N, C-alpha and C. Protein backbone atom coordinates (compact mmCIF):
# COMPACT_ATOMS: atom_id res chain seq x y z
N UNK A 1 59.98 110.14 82.96
CA UNK A 1 61.29 109.88 82.19
C UNK A 1 61.55 110.38 81.02
N UNK A 2 62.85 111.06 80.57
CA UNK A 2 62.79 111.88 79.37
C UNK A 2 62.83 111.25 78.25
N UNK A 3 62.15 111.51 77.31
CA UNK A 3 62.22 111.01 75.89
C UNK A 3 63.29 110.26 75.47
N UNK A 4 64.77 110.77 75.63
CA UNK A 4 65.84 110.12 75.18
C UNK A 4 65.96 108.97 75.71
N UNK A 5 66.05 108.80 77.04
CA UNK A 5 66.11 107.72 77.90
C UNK A 5 65.16 106.69 77.20
N UNK A 6 63.98 107.07 77.04
CA UNK A 6 63.08 105.94 76.44
C UNK A 6 63.90 105.17 74.78
N UNK A 7 64.37 105.92 74.19
CA UNK A 7 64.86 105.70 73.24
C UNK A 7 66.01 104.73 73.21
N UNK A 8 66.65 104.47 74.21
CA UNK A 8 67.78 103.43 74.57
C UNK A 8 67.39 102.16 74.68
N UNK A 9 68.24 101.39 73.92
CA UNK A 9 67.81 99.71 73.67
C UNK A 9 68.59 99.45 75.00
N UNK A 10 67.87 98.20 75.51
CA UNK A 10 68.26 97.59 76.54
C UNK A 10 68.98 96.10 76.11
N UNK A 11 68.84 95.97 74.62
CA UNK A 11 69.69 95.11 73.98
C UNK A 11 71.49 95.57 74.16
N UNK A 12 71.74 96.97 74.25
CA UNK A 12 73.10 97.50 74.13
C UNK A 12 73.24 97.28 75.55
N UNK A 13 72.70 97.17 76.38
CA UNK A 13 73.22 97.04 77.77
C UNK A 13 73.35 95.22 77.79
N UNK A 14 72.73 94.57 77.19
CA UNK A 14 72.83 92.97 77.19
C UNK A 14 73.90 92.79 76.83
N UNK A 15 74.27 93.52 75.51
CA UNK A 15 75.43 92.87 74.61
C UNK A 15 76.70 93.26 75.66
N UNK A 16 76.64 94.34 76.26
CA UNK A 16 77.60 95.03 77.35
C UNK A 16 77.92 93.71 78.18
N UNK A 17 76.82 93.23 79.14
CA UNK A 17 76.99 92.34 80.09
C UNK A 17 77.48 91.18 79.46
N UNK A 18 77.10 90.79 78.31
CA UNK A 18 77.45 89.39 77.65
C UNK A 18 78.83 89.36 77.14
N UNK A 19 79.37 90.31 76.78
CA UNK A 19 80.82 91.01 76.22
C UNK A 19 81.71 90.74 77.68
N UNK A 20 81.37 91.19 78.91
CA UNK A 20 82.37 91.16 79.73
C UNK A 20 83.00 89.63 80.15
N UNK A 21 82.48 88.64 80.21
CA UNK A 21 83.15 87.24 80.62
C UNK A 21 84.18 87.30 79.12
N UNK A 22 83.75 87.74 78.01
CA UNK A 22 84.93 87.63 76.86
C UNK A 22 85.97 88.24 76.93
N UNK A 23 85.75 89.33 77.30
CA UNK A 23 86.58 90.46 77.62
C UNK A 23 87.92 90.07 78.56
N UNK A 24 87.32 89.38 80.05
CA UNK A 24 87.94 89.11 80.87
C UNK A 24 88.84 88.09 80.89
N UNK A 25 88.25 87.11 79.74
CA UNK A 25 88.92 85.62 79.38
C UNK A 25 90.42 86.09 78.41
N UNK A 26 89.86 87.19 77.59
CA UNK A 26 90.57 87.53 76.55
C UNK A 26 91.70 88.41 77.11
N UNK A 27 91.61 89.21 77.85
CA UNK A 27 92.83 90.19 78.22
C UNK A 27 93.36 90.09 79.99
N UNK A 28 92.64 89.10 80.51
CA UNK A 28 93.19 88.61 81.74
C UNK A 28 93.66 87.21 81.77
N UNK A 29 93.15 86.43 81.63
CA UNK A 29 93.18 84.98 81.87
C UNK A 29 94.20 84.41 80.85
N UNK A 30 93.81 84.69 79.89
CA UNK A 30 94.60 84.23 78.64
C UNK A 30 96.06 84.72 78.76
N UNK A 31 96.38 85.85 78.38
CA UNK A 31 97.73 86.52 79.12
C UNK A 31 98.30 85.98 80.16
N UNK A 32 97.36 85.94 81.18
CA UNK A 32 97.74 85.26 82.56
C UNK A 32 98.23 83.78 82.61
N UNK A 33 97.81 83.00 81.49
CA UNK A 33 97.92 81.54 81.56
C UNK A 33 97.57 80.83 82.66
N UNK A 34 96.35 81.05 83.37
CA UNK A 34 95.90 80.37 84.65
C UNK A 34 94.45 81.18 84.83
N UNK A 35 93.59 80.45 85.16
CA UNK A 35 92.54 80.78 85.92
C UNK A 35 92.46 80.84 87.42
N UNK A 36 93.52 80.43 87.99
CA UNK A 36 93.74 80.49 89.45
C UNK A 36 94.84 81.59 89.55
N UNK A 37 93.94 83.02 89.53
CA UNK A 37 94.51 84.18 89.63
C UNK A 37 93.88 84.93 90.77
N UNK A 38 94.19 84.73 92.16
CA UNK A 38 93.13 85.61 93.04
C UNK A 38 93.18 87.22 92.71
N UNK A 39 94.04 87.90 92.31
CA UNK A 39 93.86 89.14 92.08
C UNK A 39 92.89 89.60 91.09
N UNK A 40 93.03 88.70 89.97
CA UNK A 40 92.09 88.95 88.59
C UNK A 40 90.71 88.40 89.22
N UNK A 41 90.52 87.48 89.76
CA UNK A 41 89.08 87.30 90.27
C UNK A 41 88.73 88.36 91.19
N UNK A 42 89.63 88.92 92.12
CA UNK A 42 88.93 90.03 92.94
C UNK A 42 88.65 91.06 92.18
N UNK A 43 89.65 91.57 91.51
CA UNK A 43 89.25 92.76 90.71
C UNK A 43 88.05 92.68 89.62
N UNK A 44 87.72 91.79 89.19
CA UNK A 44 86.23 91.29 88.47
C UNK A 44 85.35 91.41 89.40
N UNK A 45 85.32 90.97 90.56
CA UNK A 45 84.19 90.84 91.40
C UNK A 45 83.94 92.50 91.98
N UNK A 46 85.13 93.25 92.34
CA UNK A 46 84.82 94.94 92.40
C UNK A 46 84.45 95.56 91.27
N UNK A 47 85.05 95.38 89.99
CA UNK A 47 84.51 95.85 88.90
C UNK A 47 83.12 95.67 88.57
N UNK A 48 82.89 94.39 88.90
CA UNK A 48 81.07 94.56 88.42
C UNK A 48 80.30 94.82 89.49
N UNK A 49 80.58 94.88 90.57
CA UNK A 49 80.05 95.81 91.86
C UNK A 49 80.01 97.04 91.38
N UNK A 50 80.96 97.89 91.45
CA UNK A 50 80.98 99.10 91.15
C UNK A 50 80.43 99.55 89.96
N UNK A 51 80.25 98.95 88.99
CA UNK A 51 79.64 98.75 87.66
C UNK A 51 78.15 98.88 87.89
N UNK A 52 77.93 97.78 88.43
CA UNK A 52 76.14 97.63 89.00
C UNK A 52 75.70 98.91 89.41
N UNK A 53 76.44 99.37 90.52
CA UNK A 53 76.11 100.48 91.54
C UNK A 53 75.81 101.78 90.61
N UNK A 54 76.96 102.06 89.82
CA UNK A 54 77.06 103.30 89.15
C UNK A 54 75.87 103.09 88.06
N UNK A 55 75.64 102.09 87.66
CA UNK A 55 74.59 101.84 86.51
C UNK A 55 73.43 102.29 86.98
N UNK A 56 73.18 101.62 87.98
CA UNK A 56 71.56 101.92 88.66
C UNK A 56 71.48 103.03 89.02
N UNK A 57 72.46 103.95 89.78
CA UNK A 57 72.57 105.39 90.01
C UNK A 57 72.19 106.14 88.86
N UNK A 58 73.13 106.24 87.60
CA UNK A 58 72.84 106.99 86.67
C UNK A 58 71.65 106.65 85.85
N UNK A 59 71.22 105.48 86.16
CA UNK A 59 69.71 105.14 85.41
C UNK A 59 68.84 106.05 86.14
N UNK A 60 68.68 106.43 87.38
CA UNK A 60 67.81 107.15 88.13
C UNK A 60 68.26 108.65 87.84
N UNK A 61 69.28 109.17 88.08
CA UNK A 61 69.61 110.39 88.25
C UNK A 61 69.91 111.32 86.90
N UNK A 62 70.50 110.37 85.75
CA UNK A 62 70.73 110.72 84.56
C UNK A 62 70.55 110.02 83.45
N UNK A 63 69.43 109.13 82.95
CA UNK A 63 69.30 108.09 82.15
C UNK A 63 69.69 108.47 80.96
N UNK A 64 69.80 110.07 80.81
CA UNK A 64 70.06 110.26 79.19
C UNK A 64 71.67 109.79 78.87
N UNK A 65 72.44 109.61 79.73
CA UNK A 65 74.04 109.49 79.78
C UNK A 65 73.72 107.96 78.93
N UNK A 66 72.68 107.16 79.35
CA UNK A 66 72.76 105.88 78.30
C UNK A 66 72.82 105.86 77.00
N UNK A 67 71.99 107.10 76.43
CA UNK A 67 72.09 107.46 74.98
C UNK A 67 73.07 108.03 74.54
N UNK A 68 73.45 108.96 75.35
CA UNK A 68 74.63 109.88 75.12
C UNK A 68 76.03 108.88 74.80
N UNK A 69 75.93 108.05 75.44
CA UNK A 69 77.11 107.54 75.18
C UNK A 69 77.23 105.79 74.68
N UNK A 70 76.01 105.67 74.13
CA UNK A 70 75.81 104.49 73.15
C UNK A 70 76.32 104.04 71.73
N UNK A 71 76.68 105.17 71.36
CA UNK A 71 77.31 105.21 69.94
C UNK A 71 78.24 106.57 69.79
N UNK A 72 79.07 106.52 68.62
CA UNK A 72 79.91 107.56 68.14
C UNK A 72 79.16 108.44 67.13
N UNK A 73 79.57 109.51 67.30
CA UNK A 73 78.47 110.61 66.24
C UNK A 73 79.51 110.94 65.05
N UNK A 74 78.89 111.16 63.82
CA UNK A 74 79.67 111.37 62.52
C UNK A 74 80.35 112.97 62.94
N UNK A 75 79.89 113.56 63.64
CA UNK A 75 80.49 114.85 63.54
C UNK A 75 81.54 115.09 64.61
N UNK A 76 82.06 113.87 65.12
CA UNK A 76 83.30 114.02 66.15
C UNK A 76 84.32 114.75 65.42
N UNK A 77 85.12 115.57 65.98
CA UNK A 77 86.14 116.43 65.80
C UNK A 77 87.17 115.35 64.82
N UNK A 78 87.93 115.59 63.88
CA UNK A 78 88.32 114.95 62.98
C UNK A 78 89.99 114.56 64.27
N UNK A 79 90.55 115.33 64.98
CA UNK A 79 91.51 115.12 65.68
C UNK A 79 90.88 114.04 66.81
N UNK A 80 89.67 114.03 67.03
CA UNK A 80 89.84 113.23 68.33
C UNK A 80 89.25 111.69 67.91
N UNK A 81 89.04 111.59 66.24
CA UNK A 81 89.14 110.22 65.74
C UNK A 81 90.53 109.76 65.46
N UNK A 82 91.32 110.25 65.47
CA UNK A 82 92.65 109.73 65.47
C UNK A 82 93.27 109.36 66.63
N UNK A 83 93.01 110.52 67.67
CA UNK A 83 93.48 110.03 69.15
C UNK A 83 92.74 109.35 69.90
N UNK A 84 91.61 109.02 69.88
CA UNK A 84 90.85 108.23 70.36
C UNK A 84 91.42 106.68 70.32
N UNK A 85 91.60 106.00 69.22
CA UNK A 85 92.01 104.82 69.11
C UNK A 85 93.22 104.68 70.00
N UNK A 86 94.25 105.43 69.85
CA UNK A 86 95.51 105.38 70.65
C UNK A 86 95.19 105.45 72.33
N UNK A 87 94.39 105.96 72.73
CA UNK A 87 94.09 106.10 74.07
C UNK A 87 93.22 104.75 74.59
N UNK A 88 92.22 104.30 73.92
CA UNK A 88 91.74 103.09 74.02
C UNK A 88 92.73 102.05 74.04
N UNK A 89 93.59 101.63 73.26
CA UNK A 89 94.59 100.70 73.24
C UNK A 89 95.57 100.62 74.03
N UNK A 90 96.14 102.17 74.62
CA UNK A 90 96.92 102.19 75.85
C UNK A 90 96.08 101.48 76.80
N UNK A 91 94.66 101.92 77.47
CA UNK A 91 93.87 101.68 78.43
C UNK A 91 93.67 100.16 78.29
N UNK A 92 93.35 99.25 77.24
CA UNK A 92 93.30 98.27 77.37
C UNK A 92 94.24 97.39 77.55
N UNK A 93 95.60 98.22 77.02
CA UNK A 93 96.79 97.03 77.24
C UNK A 93 97.05 96.94 78.82
N UNK A 94 96.59 97.89 79.58
CA UNK A 94 96.82 97.77 81.01
C UNK A 94 96.58 96.51 81.47
N UNK A 95 95.75 95.93 81.00
CA UNK A 95 94.83 94.28 81.43
C UNK A 95 96.21 93.20 81.22
N UNK A 96 96.24 93.07 79.82
CA UNK A 96 97.10 91.96 79.43
C UNK A 96 98.76 92.01 80.19
N UNK A 97 99.19 93.42 80.27
CA UNK A 97 100.33 93.56 80.79
C UNK A 97 100.36 93.08 82.24
N UNK A 98 99.42 93.58 83.16
CA UNK A 98 99.08 93.12 84.36
C UNK A 98 99.31 91.67 84.67
N UNK A 99 98.49 90.99 83.85
CA UNK A 99 98.01 89.83 83.90
C UNK A 99 99.62 88.77 83.65
N UNK A 100 100.06 89.31 82.69
CA UNK A 100 101.54 88.56 82.37
C UNK A 100 102.57 88.85 83.35
N UNK A 101 102.19 90.11 84.07
CA UNK A 101 103.21 90.17 85.12
C UNK A 101 103.03 89.69 86.24
N UNK A 102 101.60 89.74 86.62
CA UNK A 102 101.51 89.14 88.14
C UNK A 102 100.71 87.58 88.06
N UNK A 103 100.53 87.21 86.83
CA UNK A 103 99.83 85.88 86.94
C UNK A 103 100.77 84.72 86.50
N UNK A 104 101.66 85.27 85.46
CA UNK A 104 102.18 84.28 84.70
C UNK A 104 103.78 84.60 85.14
N UNK A 105 104.42 85.43 85.07
CA UNK A 105 106.09 85.66 85.04
C UNK A 105 106.51 86.30 86.80
N UNK A 106 105.32 86.81 87.23
CA UNK A 106 105.92 87.63 88.13
C UNK A 106 106.92 88.52 88.36
N UNK A 107 106.77 89.52 87.31
CA UNK A 107 108.27 90.66 87.52
C UNK A 107 108.40 91.39 88.74
N UNK A 108 107.14 91.75 88.95
CA UNK A 108 107.23 92.95 90.12
C UNK A 108 106.00 92.74 91.20
N UNK A 109 106.10 91.75 91.88
CA UNK A 109 104.97 91.50 93.14
C UNK A 109 105.27 92.93 93.67
N UNK A 110 103.61 93.14 94.39
CA UNK A 110 103.32 93.98 95.19
C UNK A 110 102.89 93.81 96.21
N UNK A 111 103.36 94.33 97.25
CA UNK A 111 102.89 94.42 98.55
C UNK A 111 101.25 94.50 98.79
N UNK A 112 100.61 94.00 99.56
CA UNK A 112 99.21 93.82 99.91
C UNK A 112 98.60 95.52 100.15
N UNK A 113 99.64 96.30 100.67
CA UNK A 113 98.94 97.53 100.72
C UNK A 113 99.20 98.52 99.54
N UNK A 114 100.01 98.20 98.50
CA UNK A 114 100.21 98.84 97.48
C UNK A 114 98.74 98.38 96.69
N UNK A 115 98.44 97.18 96.57
CA UNK A 115 97.10 96.66 95.89
C UNK A 115 96.05 97.40 96.17
N UNK A 116 95.99 97.55 97.49
CA UNK A 116 95.13 98.32 98.30
C UNK A 116 94.88 99.61 98.35
N UNK A 117 96.07 100.54 97.76
CA UNK A 117 96.15 101.72 97.34
C UNK A 117 95.42 101.96 95.70
N UNK A 118 95.77 100.76 95.07
CA UNK A 118 95.25 100.55 93.88
C UNK A 118 93.70 100.67 93.99
N UNK A 119 93.29 99.67 94.81
CA UNK A 119 91.84 100.04 94.95
C UNK A 119 90.98 101.05 95.30
N UNK A 120 91.79 102.05 95.99
CA UNK A 120 91.37 103.09 96.67
C UNK A 120 91.32 104.03 95.20
N UNK A 121 92.23 104.16 94.40
CA UNK A 121 92.39 104.86 93.50
C UNK A 121 91.55 104.48 92.59
N UNK A 122 91.35 103.29 92.44
CA UNK A 122 90.03 102.55 91.29
C UNK A 122 88.86 103.03 91.83
N UNK A 123 88.56 102.99 93.00
CA UNK A 123 87.23 103.58 93.48
C UNK A 123 86.87 104.89 93.60
N UNK A 124 87.79 105.81 93.74
CA UNK A 124 87.64 107.15 93.70
C UNK A 124 87.50 107.79 92.52
N UNK A 125 88.44 106.94 91.59
CA UNK A 125 87.90 107.46 90.18
C UNK A 125 86.83 106.93 89.57
N UNK A 126 86.36 105.75 89.83
CA UNK A 126 85.09 105.41 89.34
C UNK A 126 83.99 106.38 90.17
N UNK A 127 84.12 106.35 91.14
CA UNK A 127 82.90 107.29 91.87
C UNK A 127 82.58 108.62 91.38
N UNK A 128 84.11 109.35 90.97
CA UNK A 128 84.27 110.68 90.48
C UNK A 128 83.78 110.85 89.11
N UNK A 129 84.09 109.73 88.03
CA UNK A 129 83.52 109.35 87.16
C UNK A 129 81.77 109.53 87.30
N UNK A 130 81.47 108.57 87.68
CA UNK A 130 79.86 108.57 87.70
C UNK A 130 79.31 109.67 88.65
N UNK A 131 79.96 110.51 89.15
CA UNK A 131 79.46 111.93 89.75
C UNK A 131 79.49 112.90 88.51
N UNK A 132 80.33 112.79 87.62
CA UNK A 132 80.53 113.70 86.48
C UNK A 132 79.50 113.18 85.63
N UNK A 133 79.49 112.14 85.40
CA UNK A 133 78.26 111.84 84.27
C UNK A 133 76.73 112.00 84.97
N UNK A 134 76.61 111.93 85.92
CA UNK A 134 75.08 112.10 86.64
C UNK A 134 74.77 113.56 86.54
N UNK A 135 75.81 114.35 86.56
CA UNK A 135 75.70 115.81 86.56
C UNK A 135 75.33 116.17 84.99
N UNK A 136 76.04 115.37 84.10
CA UNK A 136 76.31 115.80 83.11
C UNK A 136 75.90 115.09 81.63
N UNK A 137 74.76 115.68 81.09
CA UNK A 137 73.86 114.80 80.00
C UNK A 137 74.56 114.86 78.99
N UNK A 138 75.55 115.70 78.66
CA UNK A 138 76.42 115.93 77.43
C UNK A 138 77.65 115.20 77.54
N UNK A 139 78.03 114.19 78.34
CA UNK A 139 79.29 113.33 78.75
C UNK A 139 79.21 112.04 77.52
N UNK A 140 79.44 112.73 76.54
CA UNK A 140 79.52 111.53 75.29
C UNK A 140 81.02 111.16 75.13
N UNK A 141 81.37 109.96 74.34
CA UNK A 141 82.25 109.24 74.26
C UNK A 141 83.54 109.90 73.36
N UNK A 142 83.00 110.69 72.77
CA UNK A 142 83.97 111.50 71.60
C UNK A 142 83.68 113.08 71.93
N UNK A 143 84.58 113.65 71.30
CA UNK A 143 84.47 115.52 71.19
C UNK A 143 83.82 115.99 69.98
N UNK A 144 82.68 116.72 70.28
CA UNK A 144 82.15 117.38 69.55
C UNK A 144 81.29 118.28 70.01
N UNK A 145 80.60 119.40 69.08
CA UNK A 145 80.04 120.71 69.61
C UNK A 145 78.56 119.83 69.49
N UNK A 146 77.74 119.62 70.65
CA UNK A 146 76.34 118.72 70.32
C UNK A 146 75.32 119.59 70.10
N UNK A 147 75.25 120.46 69.18
CA UNK A 147 74.23 121.31 68.86
C UNK A 147 72.92 120.49 68.71
N UNK A 148 72.90 119.28 68.35
CA UNK A 148 71.80 118.69 68.03
C UNK A 148 70.89 118.44 69.31
N UNK A 149 71.79 118.31 70.74
CA UNK A 149 71.07 118.05 71.83
C UNK A 149 71.15 119.41 72.66
N UNK A 150 71.47 120.41 72.31
CA UNK A 150 71.22 121.83 73.31
C UNK A 150 72.07 121.89 73.98
N UNK A 151 73.54 121.42 73.72
CA UNK A 151 74.93 121.45 74.73
C UNK A 151 74.90 123.05 75.39
N UNK A 152 74.72 123.07 76.64
CA UNK A 152 75.36 124.04 77.67
C UNK A 152 76.28 123.50 78.42
N UNK A 153 76.94 124.65 79.01
CA UNK A 153 77.76 124.63 80.17
C UNK A 153 77.22 124.15 81.54
N UNK A 154 77.85 123.14 81.85
CA UNK A 154 77.87 122.16 82.68
C UNK A 154 78.72 122.98 84.19
N UNK A 155 78.19 123.31 85.29
CA UNK A 155 79.03 124.04 86.24
C UNK A 155 78.72 123.68 87.49
N UNK A 156 78.36 122.68 88.06
CA UNK A 156 77.85 121.95 89.34
C UNK A 156 78.87 121.02 89.65
N UNK A 157 78.59 120.89 91.07
CA UNK A 157 79.47 119.47 91.40
C UNK A 157 80.76 119.86 91.27
N UNK A 158 81.44 118.61 90.64
CA UNK A 158 82.91 118.53 90.42
C UNK A 158 83.37 119.59 89.20
N UNK A 159 82.44 119.59 88.32
CA UNK A 159 82.65 121.03 87.35
C UNK A 159 82.70 122.44 87.89
N UNK A 160 82.61 122.35 89.20
CA UNK A 160 82.77 123.58 89.82
C UNK A 160 84.15 123.91 90.53
N UNK A 161 85.00 122.76 90.56
CA UNK A 161 85.81 122.71 90.88
C UNK A 161 87.45 122.48 89.76
N UNK A 162 87.18 121.46 88.86
CA UNK A 162 87.88 121.58 87.35
C UNK A 162 87.08 121.31 86.20
N UNK A 163 87.49 121.54 85.04
CA UNK A 163 86.45 122.07 84.03
C UNK A 163 86.24 120.61 83.36
N UNK A 164 86.99 119.62 83.57
CA UNK A 164 87.03 117.91 83.22
C UNK A 164 87.18 117.20 84.25
N UNK A 165 86.53 116.90 85.13
CA UNK A 165 86.56 115.82 86.33
C UNK A 165 86.41 114.64 85.53
N UNK A 166 85.65 114.28 84.39
CA UNK A 166 85.77 113.03 83.91
C UNK A 166 87.08 112.58 83.69
N UNK A 167 88.09 113.17 83.10
CA UNK A 167 89.25 113.24 82.58
C UNK A 167 90.45 113.05 83.98
N UNK A 168 89.94 113.51 84.70
CA UNK A 168 90.80 113.57 85.98
C UNK A 168 90.43 112.18 86.73
N UNK A 169 89.22 111.88 86.77
CA UNK A 169 88.95 110.35 87.32
C UNK A 169 89.47 109.47 86.27
N UNK A 170 89.68 109.40 84.92
CA UNK A 170 89.94 108.48 84.63
C UNK A 170 91.55 108.23 84.47
N UNK A 171 92.41 109.37 84.86
CA UNK A 171 93.62 109.07 85.16
C UNK A 171 94.07 108.33 86.54
N UNK A 172 93.23 108.60 87.48
CA UNK A 172 93.25 107.85 88.91
C UNK A 172 92.70 106.30 88.49
N UNK A 173 91.60 106.24 87.94
CA UNK A 173 91.35 105.09 87.07
C UNK A 173 92.20 104.23 86.79
N UNK A 174 92.90 104.77 85.53
CA UNK A 174 94.00 103.73 85.20
C UNK A 174 94.90 103.18 85.96
N UNK A 175 95.60 103.97 86.63
CA UNK A 175 96.87 103.96 87.83
C UNK A 175 96.17 102.89 88.76
N UNK A 176 94.80 103.04 88.98
CA UNK A 176 94.27 102.08 90.13
C UNK A 176 94.04 100.32 89.38
N UNK A 177 93.79 100.51 88.25
CA UNK A 177 93.96 99.39 87.52
C UNK A 177 94.70 98.41 87.68
N UNK A 178 96.00 99.41 87.17
CA UNK A 178 97.33 98.51 87.36
C UNK A 178 97.73 98.08 88.52
N UNK A 179 97.83 99.07 89.59
CA UNK A 179 98.15 98.33 91.05
C UNK A 179 97.06 97.50 91.66
N UNK A 180 95.78 97.53 91.26
CA UNK A 180 94.74 96.64 91.78
C UNK A 180 95.05 95.31 91.32
N UNK A 181 95.67 95.23 89.99
CA UNK A 181 95.82 93.76 89.44
C UNK A 181 97.46 93.38 89.81
N UNK A 182 98.27 94.16 90.61
CA UNK A 182 99.16 93.53 91.24
C UNK A 182 100.49 94.34 90.14
N UNK A 183 100.45 95.12 89.86
CA UNK A 183 101.58 95.29 88.51
C UNK A 183 102.41 96.82 88.64
N UNK A 184 103.59 96.62 88.83
CA UNK A 184 104.20 97.97 88.51
C UNK A 184 104.17 98.27 86.96
N UNK A 185 104.57 97.15 86.33
CA UNK A 185 104.65 97.25 84.51
C UNK A 185 103.31 98.07 84.10
N UNK A 186 102.10 97.53 84.73
CA UNK A 186 100.90 97.77 83.85
C UNK A 186 100.97 99.29 84.02
N UNK A 187 101.73 100.15 84.91
CA UNK A 187 101.41 101.34 85.19
C UNK A 187 102.34 102.18 83.73
N UNK A 188 103.03 101.71 83.04
CA UNK A 188 103.44 102.27 81.64
C UNK A 188 102.28 102.25 80.61
N UNK A 189 101.52 101.71 80.40
CA UNK A 189 100.32 101.74 79.65
C UNK A 189 99.37 102.73 80.22
N UNK A 190 99.41 102.72 81.68
CA UNK A 190 98.40 103.35 82.41
C UNK A 190 98.86 104.98 82.03
N UNK A 191 100.29 105.15 82.26
CA UNK A 191 101.10 106.27 81.95
C UNK A 191 100.68 106.98 80.59
N UNK A 192 100.75 106.33 79.68
CA UNK A 192 100.80 106.55 78.43
C UNK A 192 99.24 106.92 77.91
N UNK A 193 98.59 106.09 78.50
CA UNK A 193 96.67 106.69 78.13
C UNK A 193 96.61 107.73 79.12
N UNK A 194 97.20 108.33 80.23
CA UNK A 194 97.01 109.31 81.13
C UNK A 194 97.64 110.35 80.36
N UNK A 195 98.79 110.49 79.53
CA UNK A 195 99.44 111.37 78.90
C UNK A 195 98.56 111.87 77.70
N UNK A 196 97.81 111.00 76.76
CA UNK A 196 97.13 111.18 75.49
C UNK A 196 95.95 111.63 76.28
N UNK A 197 95.25 111.35 77.23
CA UNK A 197 93.85 111.89 78.07
C UNK A 197 94.41 113.28 78.27
N UNK A 198 95.56 113.76 79.00
CA UNK A 198 95.71 114.84 79.05
C UNK A 198 95.88 116.19 77.70
N UNK A 199 96.53 115.32 76.88
CA UNK A 199 96.37 115.85 75.36
C UNK A 199 95.06 116.14 75.08
N UNK A 200 94.38 115.20 74.92
CA UNK A 200 92.89 115.23 74.75
C UNK A 200 92.00 116.41 75.41
N UNK A 201 92.30 116.36 76.93
CA UNK A 201 91.73 117.48 77.59
C UNK A 201 92.07 118.74 77.20
N UNK A 202 93.48 119.27 76.74
CA UNK A 202 93.53 120.35 76.23
C UNK A 202 92.92 120.97 74.89
N UNK A 203 93.16 120.01 73.99
CA UNK A 203 92.57 120.22 72.75
C UNK A 203 90.69 120.05 72.60
N UNK A 204 90.20 119.54 73.61
CA UNK A 204 88.85 119.35 73.81
C UNK A 204 88.81 121.13 74.59
N UNK A 205 89.44 121.34 75.45
CA UNK A 205 89.22 122.39 76.29
C UNK A 205 89.21 123.67 75.22
N UNK A 206 90.14 123.65 74.36
CA UNK A 206 90.41 124.48 73.30
C UNK A 206 88.89 124.92 72.28
N UNK A 207 88.50 123.62 71.95
CA UNK A 207 87.36 123.51 71.22
C UNK A 207 86.10 123.93 72.05
N UNK A 208 85.96 123.74 72.86
CA UNK A 208 84.95 124.63 73.79
C UNK A 208 85.05 125.76 74.05
N UNK A 209 86.04 126.47 74.01
CA UNK A 209 86.40 127.98 74.22
C UNK A 209 85.93 128.32 73.08
N UNK A 210 86.47 128.00 71.84
CA UNK A 210 86.13 128.36 70.68
C UNK A 210 84.44 127.98 69.96
N UNK A 211 83.93 127.26 70.65
CA UNK A 211 82.69 126.75 70.07
C UNK A 211 81.35 126.91 70.89
N UNK A 212 81.34 126.86 72.15
CA UNK A 212 80.37 126.65 73.04
C UNK A 212 80.24 127.91 73.51
N UNK A 213 78.67 128.21 73.85
CA UNK A 213 78.94 129.93 74.03
C UNK A 213 78.57 129.64 75.52
N UNK A 214 79.29 130.71 76.33
CA UNK A 214 79.34 130.62 77.67
C UNK A 214 80.50 129.94 78.30
N UNK A 215 81.12 129.26 77.29
CA UNK A 215 82.54 128.53 78.22
C UNK A 215 83.61 129.31 78.50
N UNK A 216 83.87 130.14 77.56
CA UNK A 216 85.09 131.43 77.99
C UNK A 216 84.79 131.70 79.42
N UNK A 217 83.53 132.38 79.62
CA UNK A 217 83.01 132.73 81.12
C UNK A 217 83.53 131.84 81.90
N UNK A 218 82.94 130.67 81.66
CA UNK A 218 83.06 129.38 82.70
C UNK A 218 84.62 129.10 82.96
N UNK A 219 85.57 129.15 82.04
CA UNK A 219 86.84 129.04 82.40
C UNK A 219 87.70 130.44 83.38
N UNK A 220 86.83 131.53 83.12
CA UNK A 220 87.44 132.51 84.26
C UNK A 220 86.71 131.94 85.60
N UNK A 221 85.69 131.45 85.47
CA UNK A 221 85.35 130.98 86.98
C UNK A 221 86.03 129.91 87.55
N UNK A 222 86.11 128.67 86.66
CA UNK A 222 86.91 127.83 87.10
C UNK A 222 88.20 127.63 86.07
N UNK A 223 89.21 127.93 86.78
CA UNK A 223 90.49 128.18 86.04
C UNK A 223 91.31 126.66 85.54
N UNK A 224 90.94 125.96 86.42
CA UNK A 224 91.78 124.53 86.31
C UNK A 224 91.12 123.48 85.48
N UNK A 225 92.16 122.62 84.53
CA UNK A 225 91.49 121.83 83.64
C UNK A 225 91.23 120.47 84.79
N UNK A 226 92.10 119.93 84.94
CA UNK A 226 92.18 118.69 85.60
C UNK A 226 92.51 118.77 87.29
N UNK A 227 93.48 119.36 87.87
CA UNK A 227 93.91 119.33 89.41
C UNK A 227 93.82 120.69 89.80
N UNK A 228 93.06 120.56 90.48
CA UNK A 228 92.80 122.03 91.32
C UNK A 228 94.48 122.75 91.96
N UNK A 229 94.65 124.24 91.26
CA UNK A 229 95.68 124.75 92.05
C UNK A 229 97.16 124.40 90.96
N UNK A 230 96.83 123.39 90.14
CA UNK A 230 97.99 122.78 89.37
C UNK A 230 97.66 123.23 87.79
N UNK A 231 96.83 122.83 86.84
CA UNK A 231 96.33 122.87 85.74
C UNK A 231 95.17 122.63 85.29
């Protein structure tokens, strides 16, 4: 096992697991005003199972990812330090807005098939995210040139199709969460988070072209950032 994986503290994972009930209580059931919310409980079950499956897989195929994503680095780009809180705020807002909509006020009831589409988008996004993380040991939570980790261009798997598959996955993921939780209104913060993520994609891509050796050659081989044939 790589040395970096051995330095990963299991306590970090324990804290994440312990924080999940508090997160769901605060962002779903408190704004929803009830514990008797079937879509909320279904989402939690699917989320936990998907997270467990992805975590076990990543531990075997790319354990370095736990070290890479365990902390924010001081040399993160200044623009990313400003942009990231807005992205996270919009992302987290999906949950309480969906709860207010579907569990408390019933503003926009969704047909079961639409909820099913939400779960499809959620699972495709989650699977694509895990695939990208499994291949890319430099998949950190913030944007910086990882000279301390010997960063190089990753061009396998989904990176042979688009340059930022993790961000493409996140866009699907955001929309999927909103619909899986039964809310059209929750698509508003999902769209805001996606728009900010697209902006981040552009700025990160410009940064990598300017600073990462070999990345400009990679952009000539893989032309599209997020959507094949579009952008």
